[in-house]
N, C-alpha and C. Protein backbone atom coordinates (compact mmCIF):
# COMPACT_ATOMS: atom_id res chain seq x y z
N MET A 1 -39.62 -53.56 -0.63
CA MET A 1 -38.41 -53.75 0.15
C MET A 1 -37.37 -54.50 -0.67
N ARG A 2 -37.79 -55.53 -1.37
CA ARG A 2 -36.86 -56.35 -2.14
C ARG A 2 -36.23 -55.56 -3.27
N GLY A 3 -36.97 -54.69 -3.93
CA GLY A 3 -36.46 -53.93 -5.08
C GLY A 3 -35.26 -53.07 -4.75
N PRO A 4 -35.31 -52.16 -3.75
CA PRO A 4 -34.16 -51.31 -3.44
C PRO A 4 -32.96 -52.13 -2.96
N TRP A 5 -33.20 -53.16 -2.17
CA TRP A 5 -32.10 -54.00 -1.68
C TRP A 5 -31.39 -54.67 -2.85
N LEU A 6 -32.16 -55.24 -3.77
CA LEU A 6 -31.58 -55.92 -4.92
C LEU A 6 -30.84 -54.94 -5.82
N ARG A 7 -31.41 -53.77 -6.06
CA ARG A 7 -30.71 -52.76 -6.88
C ARG A 7 -29.40 -52.35 -6.22
N GLY A 8 -29.40 -52.18 -4.90
CA GLY A 8 -28.19 -51.82 -4.18
C GLY A 8 -27.12 -52.89 -4.30
N LEU A 9 -27.53 -54.14 -4.16
CA LEU A 9 -26.59 -55.25 -4.28
C LEU A 9 -25.99 -55.30 -5.68
N LEU A 10 -26.83 -55.17 -6.70
CA LEU A 10 -26.35 -55.20 -8.08
C LEU A 10 -25.41 -54.04 -8.36
N LEU A 11 -25.71 -52.86 -7.83
CA LEU A 11 -24.83 -51.71 -8.00
C LEU A 11 -23.49 -51.95 -7.32
N ALA A 12 -23.51 -52.52 -6.11
CA ALA A 12 -22.26 -52.81 -5.40
C ALA A 12 -21.42 -53.81 -6.17
N ILE A 13 -22.05 -54.83 -6.73
CA ILE A 13 -21.32 -55.81 -7.53
C ILE A 13 -20.74 -55.15 -8.77
N GLY A 14 -21.51 -54.28 -9.41
CA GLY A 14 -21.01 -53.58 -10.60
C GLY A 14 -19.82 -52.71 -10.27
N VAL A 15 -19.86 -52.02 -9.13
CA VAL A 15 -18.73 -51.18 -8.73
C VAL A 15 -17.50 -52.04 -8.48
N MET A 16 -17.69 -53.20 -7.83
CA MET A 16 -16.56 -54.09 -7.59
C MET A 16 -15.96 -54.57 -8.89
N LEU A 17 -16.80 -54.92 -9.87
CA LEU A 17 -16.29 -55.39 -11.15
C LEU A 17 -15.53 -54.29 -11.87
N VAL A 18 -16.01 -53.05 -11.79
CA VAL A 18 -15.30 -51.93 -12.41
C VAL A 18 -13.95 -51.75 -11.75
N LEU A 19 -13.92 -51.80 -10.41
CA LEU A 19 -12.66 -51.64 -9.70
C LEU A 19 -11.69 -52.76 -10.04
N VAL A 20 -12.17 -53.99 -10.08
CA VAL A 20 -11.32 -55.12 -10.44
C VAL A 20 -10.86 -54.97 -11.88
N GLY A 21 -11.77 -54.60 -12.78
CA GLY A 21 -11.41 -54.46 -14.20
C GLY A 21 -10.40 -53.37 -14.44
N SER A 22 -10.45 -52.28 -13.66
CA SER A 22 -9.52 -51.19 -13.90
C SER A 22 -8.13 -51.51 -13.41
N ALA A 23 -7.98 -52.53 -12.58
CA ALA A 23 -6.66 -52.86 -12.06
C ALA A 23 -5.95 -53.91 -12.90
N GLY A 24 -6.61 -54.47 -13.90
CA GLY A 24 -6.02 -55.55 -14.69
C GLY A 24 -5.06 -55.06 -15.74
N SER A 25 -4.44 -56.03 -16.42
CA SER A 25 -3.44 -55.67 -17.42
C SER A 25 -3.91 -55.88 -18.84
N VAL A 26 -5.11 -56.41 -19.03
CA VAL A 26 -5.61 -56.64 -20.38
C VAL A 26 -6.27 -55.38 -20.87
N ALA A 27 -5.86 -54.90 -22.01
CA ALA A 27 -6.45 -53.68 -22.56
C ALA A 27 -7.16 -54.00 -23.85
N ALA A 28 -8.38 -53.55 -23.96
CA ALA A 28 -9.13 -53.70 -25.20
C ALA A 28 -9.22 -52.33 -25.84
N PRO A 29 -9.22 -52.26 -27.16
CA PRO A 29 -9.32 -50.98 -27.81
C PRO A 29 -10.63 -50.27 -27.47
N ALA A 30 -10.58 -48.95 -27.40
CA ALA A 30 -11.77 -48.18 -27.04
C ALA A 30 -12.91 -48.38 -28.03
N SER A 31 -12.58 -48.59 -29.28
CA SER A 31 -13.63 -48.77 -30.29
C SER A 31 -14.27 -50.14 -30.21
N GLY A 32 -13.65 -51.06 -29.46
CA GLY A 32 -14.18 -52.41 -29.37
C GLY A 32 -13.66 -53.33 -30.44
N VAL A 33 -12.89 -52.81 -31.40
CA VAL A 33 -12.34 -53.63 -32.47
C VAL A 33 -10.86 -53.32 -32.56
N ALA A 34 -10.06 -54.36 -32.57
CA ALA A 34 -8.62 -54.17 -32.66
C ALA A 34 -8.25 -53.66 -34.05
N ALA A 35 -7.42 -52.64 -34.07
CA ALA A 35 -6.98 -52.08 -35.34
C ALA A 35 -5.91 -52.99 -35.95
N PRO A 36 -5.86 -53.09 -37.28
CA PRO A 36 -4.84 -53.90 -37.90
C PRO A 36 -3.46 -53.40 -37.47
N GLY A 37 -2.56 -54.33 -37.19
CA GLY A 37 -1.21 -53.99 -36.80
C GLY A 37 -1.09 -53.63 -35.32
N THR A 38 -2.20 -53.63 -34.59
CA THR A 38 -2.14 -53.34 -33.16
C THR A 38 -1.53 -54.53 -32.45
N PRO A 39 -0.56 -54.29 -31.55
CA PRO A 39 0.01 -55.42 -30.83
C PRO A 39 -1.06 -56.12 -30.00
N ALA A 40 -0.96 -57.42 -29.93
CA ALA A 40 -1.94 -58.19 -29.19
C ALA A 40 -1.76 -57.98 -27.69
N PRO A 41 -2.86 -57.67 -26.96
CA PRO A 41 -2.73 -57.62 -25.52
C PRO A 41 -2.34 -59.00 -25.02
N VAL A 42 -1.35 -59.06 -24.17
CA VAL A 42 -0.89 -60.34 -23.64
C VAL A 42 -1.44 -60.51 -22.25
N VAL A 43 -2.04 -61.65 -22.02
CA VAL A 43 -2.59 -61.96 -20.73
C VAL A 43 -1.66 -62.96 -20.07
N GLY A 44 -1.42 -62.77 -18.78
CA GLY A 44 -0.50 -63.65 -18.06
C GLY A 44 -1.01 -65.07 -17.97
N GLY A 45 -0.28 -65.86 -17.21
CA GLY A 45 -0.59 -67.28 -17.07
C GLY A 45 -1.85 -67.52 -16.27
N PRO A 46 -2.10 -68.76 -15.90
CA PRO A 46 -3.31 -69.12 -15.19
C PRO A 46 -3.44 -68.37 -13.87
N ARG A 47 -4.67 -68.03 -13.51
CA ARG A 47 -4.94 -67.33 -12.26
C ARG A 47 -6.01 -68.07 -11.48
N ALA A 48 -6.00 -67.90 -10.19
CA ALA A 48 -6.99 -68.55 -9.33
C ALA A 48 -8.26 -67.71 -9.30
N SER A 49 -9.40 -68.37 -9.44
CA SER A 49 -10.69 -67.70 -9.30
C SER A 49 -10.94 -67.51 -7.81
N PRO A 50 -11.64 -66.43 -7.43
CA PRO A 50 -11.88 -66.21 -6.01
C PRO A 50 -12.72 -67.30 -5.36
N ALA A 51 -13.52 -67.99 -6.12
CA ALA A 51 -14.39 -69.02 -5.54
C ALA A 51 -13.83 -70.40 -5.84
N ALA A 52 -13.81 -71.25 -4.85
CA ALA A 52 -13.47 -72.66 -4.98
C ALA A 52 -12.06 -72.92 -5.50
N GLY A 53 -11.21 -71.91 -5.53
CA GLY A 53 -9.82 -72.12 -5.93
C GLY A 53 -9.66 -72.54 -7.38
N ALA A 54 -10.62 -72.30 -8.24
CA ALA A 54 -10.51 -72.68 -9.65
C ALA A 54 -9.40 -71.87 -10.30
N VAL A 55 -8.69 -72.49 -11.21
CA VAL A 55 -7.61 -71.82 -11.94
C VAL A 55 -8.01 -71.75 -13.40
N TYR A 56 -7.98 -70.54 -13.96
CA TYR A 56 -8.38 -70.31 -15.34
C TYR A 56 -7.18 -69.92 -16.19
N ALA A 57 -7.22 -70.31 -17.44
CA ALA A 57 -6.16 -69.99 -18.40
C ALA A 57 -6.81 -69.61 -19.73
N LEU A 58 -6.00 -69.18 -20.67
CA LEU A 58 -6.49 -68.77 -21.98
C LEU A 58 -7.09 -69.95 -22.74
N PRO A 59 -8.12 -69.70 -23.56
CA PRO A 59 -8.73 -70.78 -24.34
C PRO A 59 -7.99 -71.09 -25.64
N LEU A 60 -7.00 -70.28 -25.98
CA LEU A 60 -6.16 -70.51 -27.16
C LEU A 60 -4.71 -70.38 -26.74
N ALA A 61 -3.81 -71.12 -27.38
CA ALA A 61 -2.38 -71.02 -27.07
C ALA A 61 -1.83 -69.69 -27.58
N GLY A 62 -0.82 -69.20 -26.90
CA GLY A 62 -0.15 -67.98 -27.35
C GLY A 62 -0.79 -66.74 -26.80
N PRO A 63 -0.30 -65.58 -27.21
CA PRO A 63 -0.88 -64.33 -26.71
C PRO A 63 -2.31 -64.16 -27.22
N LEU A 64 -3.07 -63.41 -26.47
CA LEU A 64 -4.48 -63.20 -26.77
C LEU A 64 -4.67 -61.82 -27.37
N ARG A 65 -5.27 -61.76 -28.56
CA ARG A 65 -5.61 -60.48 -29.19
C ARG A 65 -7.12 -60.37 -29.20
N VAL A 66 -7.63 -59.38 -28.48
CA VAL A 66 -9.07 -59.18 -28.36
C VAL A 66 -9.56 -58.42 -29.59
N LEU A 67 -10.48 -59.04 -30.32
CA LEU A 67 -11.09 -58.39 -31.48
C LEU A 67 -12.30 -57.55 -31.08
N ARG A 68 -13.06 -58.05 -30.12
CA ARG A 68 -14.23 -57.32 -29.61
C ARG A 68 -14.39 -57.67 -28.14
N PRO A 69 -14.43 -56.65 -27.26
CA PRO A 69 -14.52 -56.92 -25.83
C PRO A 69 -15.93 -57.27 -25.37
N PHE A 70 -16.02 -57.66 -24.13
CA PHE A 70 -17.29 -57.92 -23.45
C PHE A 70 -18.06 -56.61 -23.33
N GLU A 71 -19.33 -56.63 -23.69
CA GLU A 71 -20.20 -55.46 -23.57
C GLU A 71 -21.49 -55.91 -22.90
N PRO A 72 -21.59 -55.75 -21.58
CA PRO A 72 -22.78 -56.26 -20.89
C PRO A 72 -24.03 -55.51 -21.34
N PRO A 73 -25.14 -56.22 -21.49
CA PRO A 73 -26.38 -55.54 -21.85
C PRO A 73 -26.91 -54.74 -20.67
N PRO A 74 -27.63 -53.64 -20.93
CA PRO A 74 -28.17 -52.84 -19.83
C PRO A 74 -29.26 -53.57 -19.04
N THR A 75 -29.94 -54.49 -19.70
CA THR A 75 -30.95 -55.32 -19.03
C THR A 75 -30.74 -56.75 -19.52
N PRO A 76 -31.26 -57.75 -18.80
CA PRO A 76 -31.01 -59.15 -19.19
C PRO A 76 -31.42 -59.52 -20.61
N TYR A 77 -32.41 -58.82 -21.19
CA TYR A 77 -32.89 -59.21 -22.51
C TYR A 77 -32.50 -58.22 -23.60
N ALA A 78 -31.67 -57.26 -23.27
CA ALA A 78 -31.24 -56.25 -24.25
C ALA A 78 -30.04 -56.75 -25.04
N ALA A 79 -29.73 -56.02 -26.12
CA ALA A 79 -28.56 -56.36 -26.93
C ALA A 79 -27.30 -56.07 -26.15
N GLY A 80 -26.28 -56.81 -26.44
CA GLY A 80 -24.97 -56.65 -25.82
C GLY A 80 -24.03 -57.65 -26.46
N HIS A 81 -22.83 -57.74 -25.96
CA HIS A 81 -21.87 -58.75 -26.43
C HIS A 81 -21.46 -59.55 -25.22
N ARG A 82 -22.05 -60.72 -25.07
CA ARG A 82 -21.94 -61.52 -23.86
C ARG A 82 -20.73 -62.44 -23.87
N GLY A 83 -19.59 -61.88 -24.16
CA GLY A 83 -18.34 -62.62 -24.19
C GLY A 83 -17.29 -61.76 -24.86
N VAL A 84 -16.16 -62.36 -25.19
CA VAL A 84 -15.12 -61.66 -25.93
C VAL A 84 -14.82 -62.44 -27.20
N ASP A 85 -14.50 -61.71 -28.25
CA ASP A 85 -14.04 -62.34 -29.49
C ASP A 85 -12.52 -62.22 -29.50
N VAL A 86 -11.85 -63.36 -29.63
CA VAL A 86 -10.39 -63.36 -29.64
C VAL A 86 -9.89 -63.98 -30.94
N GLU A 87 -8.78 -63.46 -31.43
CA GLU A 87 -8.22 -63.92 -32.69
C GLU A 87 -7.45 -65.21 -32.48
N GLY A 88 -7.56 -66.08 -33.45
CA GLY A 88 -6.80 -67.33 -33.42
C GLY A 88 -6.62 -67.85 -34.83
N PRO A 89 -5.60 -68.67 -35.04
CA PRO A 89 -5.40 -69.25 -36.36
C PRO A 89 -6.45 -70.31 -36.67
N ALA A 90 -6.88 -70.37 -37.91
CA ALA A 90 -7.89 -71.36 -38.32
C ALA A 90 -7.42 -72.76 -37.95
N GLY A 91 -8.31 -73.54 -37.36
CA GLY A 91 -8.01 -74.91 -36.99
C GLY A 91 -7.23 -75.05 -35.69
N ALA A 92 -6.98 -73.94 -35.00
CA ALA A 92 -6.21 -73.99 -33.75
C ALA A 92 -6.96 -74.80 -32.69
N PRO A 93 -6.23 -75.52 -31.84
CA PRO A 93 -6.90 -76.21 -30.74
C PRO A 93 -7.52 -75.20 -29.77
N VAL A 94 -8.77 -75.45 -29.40
CA VAL A 94 -9.46 -74.65 -28.39
C VAL A 94 -9.30 -75.41 -27.08
N LEU A 95 -8.87 -74.69 -26.04
CA LEU A 95 -8.50 -75.33 -24.77
C LEU A 95 -9.52 -75.01 -23.68
N ALA A 96 -9.76 -75.96 -22.79
CA ALA A 96 -10.62 -75.72 -21.64
C ALA A 96 -9.95 -74.67 -20.76
N ALA A 97 -10.66 -73.61 -20.41
CA ALA A 97 -10.08 -72.53 -19.60
C ALA A 97 -9.82 -72.98 -18.17
N ALA A 98 -10.55 -73.97 -17.69
CA ALA A 98 -10.36 -74.51 -16.35
C ALA A 98 -10.92 -75.92 -16.32
N SER A 99 -10.56 -76.67 -15.31
CA SER A 99 -11.09 -78.02 -15.15
C SER A 99 -12.59 -77.96 -14.91
N GLY A 100 -13.29 -78.98 -15.39
CA GLY A 100 -14.73 -79.03 -15.20
C GLY A 100 -15.34 -80.19 -15.95
N ARG A 101 -16.64 -80.08 -16.20
CA ARG A 101 -17.37 -81.12 -16.92
C ARG A 101 -18.12 -80.49 -18.08
N VAL A 102 -18.04 -81.09 -19.25
CA VAL A 102 -18.73 -80.58 -20.44
C VAL A 102 -20.23 -80.76 -20.22
N SER A 103 -20.96 -79.65 -20.28
CA SER A 103 -22.42 -79.74 -20.12
C SER A 103 -23.13 -79.71 -21.46
N PHE A 104 -22.44 -79.24 -22.51
CA PHE A 104 -23.02 -79.23 -23.85
C PHE A 104 -21.90 -79.24 -24.88
N ALA A 105 -22.06 -80.04 -25.90
CA ALA A 105 -21.16 -80.04 -27.06
C ALA A 105 -22.03 -80.39 -28.27
N GLY A 106 -22.28 -79.40 -29.10
CA GLY A 106 -23.13 -79.62 -30.26
C GLY A 106 -23.28 -78.36 -31.08
N ARG A 107 -24.29 -78.34 -31.93
CA ARG A 107 -24.50 -77.20 -32.82
C ARG A 107 -25.65 -76.35 -32.33
N VAL A 108 -25.43 -75.02 -32.40
CA VAL A 108 -26.47 -74.04 -32.09
C VAL A 108 -26.44 -73.03 -33.22
N ALA A 109 -27.56 -72.85 -33.87
CA ALA A 109 -27.67 -71.91 -35.00
C ALA A 109 -26.58 -72.17 -36.04
N GLY A 110 -26.29 -73.44 -36.30
CA GLY A 110 -25.33 -73.81 -37.35
C GLY A 110 -23.87 -73.74 -36.94
N ARG A 111 -23.58 -73.38 -35.69
CA ARG A 111 -22.19 -73.28 -35.24
C ARG A 111 -21.93 -74.27 -34.12
N GLY A 112 -20.72 -74.81 -34.09
CA GLY A 112 -20.32 -75.71 -33.01
C GLY A 112 -20.10 -74.95 -31.72
N VAL A 113 -20.67 -75.45 -30.63
CA VAL A 113 -20.58 -74.81 -29.32
C VAL A 113 -20.20 -75.85 -28.28
N VAL A 114 -19.30 -75.46 -27.37
CA VAL A 114 -18.96 -76.29 -26.22
C VAL A 114 -19.17 -75.44 -24.97
N VAL A 115 -19.83 -76.02 -23.97
CA VAL A 115 -20.05 -75.35 -22.69
C VAL A 115 -19.48 -76.25 -21.60
N ILE A 116 -18.66 -75.64 -20.70
CA ILE A 116 -18.05 -76.39 -19.60
C ILE A 116 -18.53 -75.78 -18.29
N ARG A 117 -18.99 -76.64 -17.39
CA ARG A 117 -19.40 -76.23 -16.04
C ARG A 117 -18.21 -76.50 -15.11
N HIS A 118 -17.80 -75.46 -14.38
CA HIS A 118 -16.63 -75.56 -13.50
C HIS A 118 -17.09 -75.68 -12.05
N PRO A 119 -16.27 -76.26 -11.18
CA PRO A 119 -16.67 -76.48 -9.78
C PRO A 119 -17.02 -75.20 -9.02
N ASP A 120 -16.53 -74.03 -9.46
CA ASP A 120 -16.83 -72.79 -8.75
C ASP A 120 -18.16 -72.17 -9.19
N GLY A 121 -18.91 -72.88 -10.06
CA GLY A 121 -20.21 -72.38 -10.50
C GLY A 121 -20.17 -71.60 -11.80
N ILE A 122 -18.99 -71.33 -12.32
CA ILE A 122 -18.85 -70.63 -13.60
C ILE A 122 -19.07 -71.63 -14.73
N ARG A 123 -19.74 -71.17 -15.80
CA ARG A 123 -19.83 -71.95 -17.04
C ARG A 123 -19.12 -71.15 -18.12
N THR A 124 -18.18 -71.77 -18.81
CA THR A 124 -17.52 -71.10 -19.93
C THR A 124 -18.05 -71.69 -21.23
N GLU A 125 -18.14 -70.80 -22.25
CA GLU A 125 -18.71 -71.17 -23.54
C GLU A 125 -17.72 -70.83 -24.64
N TYR A 126 -17.63 -71.69 -25.64
CA TYR A 126 -16.67 -71.54 -26.72
C TYR A 126 -17.39 -71.79 -28.04
N GLU A 127 -17.25 -70.86 -29.01
CA GLU A 127 -17.82 -71.08 -30.35
C GLU A 127 -17.15 -70.17 -31.36
N PRO A 128 -17.00 -70.54 -32.61
CA PRO A 128 -17.37 -71.81 -33.26
C PRO A 128 -16.27 -72.85 -33.09
N VAL A 129 -16.66 -74.03 -32.67
CA VAL A 129 -15.71 -75.09 -32.36
C VAL A 129 -16.19 -76.41 -32.97
N ALA A 130 -15.27 -77.11 -33.62
CA ALA A 130 -15.52 -78.50 -34.01
C ALA A 130 -15.12 -79.33 -32.79
N ALA A 131 -16.11 -79.74 -31.99
CA ALA A 131 -15.86 -80.36 -30.68
C ALA A 131 -15.18 -81.72 -30.81
N SER A 132 -14.27 -81.96 -29.86
CA SER A 132 -13.64 -83.28 -29.73
C SER A 132 -14.01 -83.90 -28.38
N VAL A 133 -14.97 -83.27 -27.68
CA VAL A 133 -15.45 -83.76 -26.39
C VAL A 133 -16.95 -83.96 -26.48
N ALA A 134 -17.51 -84.64 -25.48
CA ALA A 134 -18.94 -84.90 -25.46
C ALA A 134 -19.52 -84.48 -24.12
N ALA A 135 -20.82 -84.20 -24.10
CA ALA A 135 -21.50 -83.83 -22.86
C ALA A 135 -21.28 -84.90 -21.81
N GLY A 136 -20.99 -84.47 -20.58
CA GLY A 136 -20.75 -85.38 -19.48
C GLY A 136 -19.28 -85.70 -19.25
N GLN A 137 -18.44 -85.37 -20.21
CA GLN A 137 -17.01 -85.69 -20.12
C GLN A 137 -16.29 -84.70 -19.20
N ALA A 138 -15.41 -85.22 -18.33
CA ALA A 138 -14.58 -84.37 -17.48
C ALA A 138 -13.39 -83.87 -18.32
N VAL A 139 -13.03 -82.60 -18.11
CA VAL A 139 -11.89 -82.02 -18.82
C VAL A 139 -10.99 -81.32 -17.82
N ALA A 140 -9.72 -81.24 -18.16
CA ALA A 140 -8.73 -80.55 -17.33
C ALA A 140 -8.39 -79.21 -17.96
N ARG A 141 -7.93 -78.27 -17.13
CA ARG A 141 -7.50 -76.96 -17.65
C ARG A 141 -6.42 -77.18 -18.69
N GLY A 142 -6.59 -76.52 -19.85
CA GLY A 142 -5.61 -76.61 -20.93
C GLY A 142 -5.81 -77.79 -21.87
N GLN A 143 -6.78 -78.65 -21.56
CA GLN A 143 -7.05 -79.81 -22.43
C GLN A 143 -7.77 -79.34 -23.69
N PRO A 144 -7.35 -79.82 -24.87
CA PRO A 144 -8.08 -79.47 -26.09
C PRO A 144 -9.52 -80.01 -26.03
N ILE A 145 -10.47 -79.15 -26.38
CA ILE A 145 -11.88 -79.54 -26.41
C ILE A 145 -12.44 -79.53 -27.83
N GLY A 146 -11.61 -79.11 -28.78
CA GLY A 146 -12.01 -79.05 -30.18
C GLY A 146 -11.06 -78.15 -30.94
N ARG A 147 -11.47 -77.85 -32.17
CA ARG A 147 -10.66 -76.97 -33.03
C ARG A 147 -11.50 -75.78 -33.46
N LEU A 148 -10.82 -74.64 -33.63
CA LEU A 148 -11.48 -73.42 -34.08
C LEU A 148 -11.90 -73.62 -35.54
N ARG A 149 -13.21 -73.72 -35.75
CA ARG A 149 -13.72 -73.98 -37.10
C ARG A 149 -15.09 -73.36 -37.24
N GLY A 150 -15.28 -72.59 -38.31
CA GLY A 150 -16.56 -71.95 -38.56
C GLY A 150 -16.41 -70.44 -38.47
N GLN A 151 -17.52 -69.75 -38.65
CA GLN A 151 -17.49 -68.29 -38.65
C GLN A 151 -18.28 -67.74 -37.48
N HIS A 152 -17.72 -66.70 -36.87
CA HIS A 152 -18.43 -65.97 -35.82
C HIS A 152 -18.49 -64.51 -36.22
N ASP A 153 -19.68 -63.96 -36.23
CA ASP A 153 -19.91 -62.55 -36.50
C ASP A 153 -19.30 -62.17 -37.85
N ARG A 154 -18.61 -61.04 -37.91
CA ARG A 154 -18.09 -60.53 -39.19
C ARG A 154 -16.64 -60.93 -39.45
N TRP A 155 -16.06 -61.71 -38.56
CA TRP A 155 -14.65 -62.07 -38.69
C TRP A 155 -14.46 -63.16 -39.74
N PRO A 156 -13.27 -63.23 -40.35
CA PRO A 156 -13.03 -64.28 -41.36
C PRO A 156 -13.25 -65.67 -40.77
N PRO A 157 -13.73 -66.61 -41.57
CA PRO A 157 -14.00 -67.97 -41.08
C PRO A 157 -12.77 -68.58 -40.41
N GLY A 158 -13.00 -69.19 -39.24
CA GLY A 158 -11.94 -69.89 -38.53
C GLY A 158 -10.91 -69.01 -37.88
N ARG A 159 -11.14 -67.71 -37.80
CA ARG A 159 -10.13 -66.80 -37.25
C ARG A 159 -10.55 -66.15 -35.93
N CYS A 160 -11.76 -66.44 -35.45
CA CYS A 160 -12.27 -65.77 -34.26
C CYS A 160 -12.95 -66.78 -33.35
N LEU A 161 -12.52 -66.81 -32.08
CA LEU A 161 -13.20 -67.61 -31.07
C LEU A 161 -14.01 -66.68 -30.19
N HIS A 162 -15.29 -66.97 -30.03
CA HIS A 162 -16.13 -66.24 -29.09
C HIS A 162 -16.09 -67.02 -27.79
N TRP A 163 -15.59 -66.37 -26.72
CA TRP A 163 -15.43 -67.00 -25.42
C TRP A 163 -16.32 -66.28 -24.42
N GLY A 164 -17.24 -67.00 -23.83
CA GLY A 164 -18.16 -66.40 -22.87
C GLY A 164 -18.06 -67.08 -21.51
N ALA A 165 -18.60 -66.42 -20.49
CA ALA A 165 -18.63 -66.98 -19.14
C ALA A 165 -19.90 -66.52 -18.45
N ARG A 166 -20.48 -67.42 -17.66
CA ARG A 166 -21.69 -67.09 -16.89
C ARG A 166 -21.53 -67.59 -15.47
N ARG A 167 -22.05 -66.79 -14.56
CA ARG A 167 -22.22 -67.22 -13.17
C ARG A 167 -23.72 -67.24 -12.97
N GLY A 168 -24.29 -68.43 -12.83
CA GLY A 168 -25.75 -68.56 -12.82
C GLY A 168 -26.27 -68.19 -14.19
N GLU A 169 -27.18 -67.23 -14.25
CA GLU A 169 -27.70 -66.77 -15.53
C GLU A 169 -27.11 -65.43 -15.95
N VAL A 170 -26.15 -64.93 -15.20
CA VAL A 170 -25.56 -63.62 -15.48
C VAL A 170 -24.24 -63.80 -16.22
N TYR A 171 -24.14 -63.18 -17.39
CA TYR A 171 -22.89 -63.23 -18.14
C TYR A 171 -21.87 -62.30 -17.50
N ILE A 172 -20.63 -62.76 -17.44
CA ILE A 172 -19.53 -61.96 -16.91
C ILE A 172 -18.43 -61.90 -17.96
N ASP A 173 -17.54 -60.95 -17.81
CA ASP A 173 -16.41 -60.82 -18.73
C ASP A 173 -15.44 -61.96 -18.45
N PRO A 174 -15.22 -62.87 -19.40
CA PRO A 174 -14.33 -64.01 -19.14
C PRO A 174 -12.88 -63.58 -18.88
N LEU A 175 -12.49 -62.41 -19.35
CA LEU A 175 -11.13 -61.95 -19.08
C LEU A 175 -10.90 -61.69 -17.59
N LEU A 176 -11.98 -61.42 -16.84
CA LEU A 176 -11.84 -61.23 -15.40
C LEU A 176 -11.40 -62.52 -14.71
N LEU A 177 -11.68 -63.66 -15.33
CA LEU A 177 -11.28 -64.94 -14.75
C LEU A 177 -9.77 -65.11 -14.78
N LEU A 178 -9.09 -64.35 -15.63
CA LEU A 178 -7.64 -64.48 -15.78
C LEU A 178 -6.87 -63.56 -14.84
N ARG A 179 -7.57 -62.72 -14.10
CA ARG A 179 -6.93 -61.74 -13.23
C ARG A 179 -7.03 -62.17 -11.77
N ALA A 180 -5.98 -61.92 -11.03
CA ALA A 180 -6.03 -62.14 -9.59
C ALA A 180 -6.96 -61.09 -8.99
N LEU A 181 -7.88 -61.50 -8.14
CA LEU A 181 -8.88 -60.58 -7.61
C LEU A 181 -8.30 -59.67 -6.53
N GLY A 182 -7.49 -60.18 -5.65
CA GLY A 182 -6.97 -59.35 -4.56
C GLY A 182 -8.05 -59.16 -3.50
N PRO A 183 -7.77 -58.33 -2.51
CA PRO A 183 -8.74 -58.16 -1.43
C PRO A 183 -10.00 -57.44 -1.90
N VAL A 184 -11.13 -57.90 -1.42
CA VAL A 184 -12.42 -57.28 -1.73
C VAL A 184 -12.98 -56.74 -0.43
N ARG A 185 -13.38 -55.48 -0.44
CA ARG A 185 -13.98 -54.86 0.73
C ARG A 185 -15.37 -54.35 0.37
N LEU A 186 -16.36 -54.78 1.11
CA LEU A 186 -17.71 -54.28 0.91
C LEU A 186 -17.88 -53.06 1.79
N LEU A 187 -18.33 -51.98 1.21
CA LEU A 187 -18.52 -50.73 1.94
C LEU A 187 -19.98 -50.60 2.34
N PRO A 188 -20.26 -49.86 3.41
CA PRO A 188 -21.65 -49.65 3.80
C PRO A 188 -22.42 -48.93 2.70
N TRP A 189 -23.65 -49.32 2.52
CA TRP A 189 -24.49 -48.72 1.50
C TRP A 189 -25.18 -47.49 2.09
N PRO A 190 -25.01 -46.30 1.46
CA PRO A 190 -25.66 -45.11 2.02
C PRO A 190 -27.17 -45.21 1.86
N ARG A 191 -27.88 -44.77 2.88
CA ARG A 191 -29.35 -44.84 2.83
C ARG A 191 -29.92 -43.56 2.33
């Protein structure tokens, strides 16, 4: 009984995310990698999260150019890209996407990582970052939490911020946090 119900719920959530994602203004290249000379997709100002009234903003100042989009894994332990890679100038201040409390600031696999827990239950992750905050510290939206420093994936050192978001243990596309959700309607599930 639990299996079909849970699969139905997950499918309904996936459909809602697709519908929400298709209505947004952020466009990522189909190949997943921005072509040189491609204009940077510009994301609007801060938006309210549907839960707890949280307001999210970009983790870097200026327009956002997506180098590699979010690619959810087909199963929890499969390969995927659990965040977005965004371009930024080396040494740029990395900003808290929303108010919250730092739950981790340290090194993981040789790279600086900062994780912020927000009141709506979302955790945002930033790497590679030379942290200027410590675990337990409260931060405000837009507050610098460190500087972009180090290498992520195949991008030049200090030029790419990997920004991730999780609700519970499920990774979500952090760009969805920047979009107004609008009305959500749950439809009956066909039997």
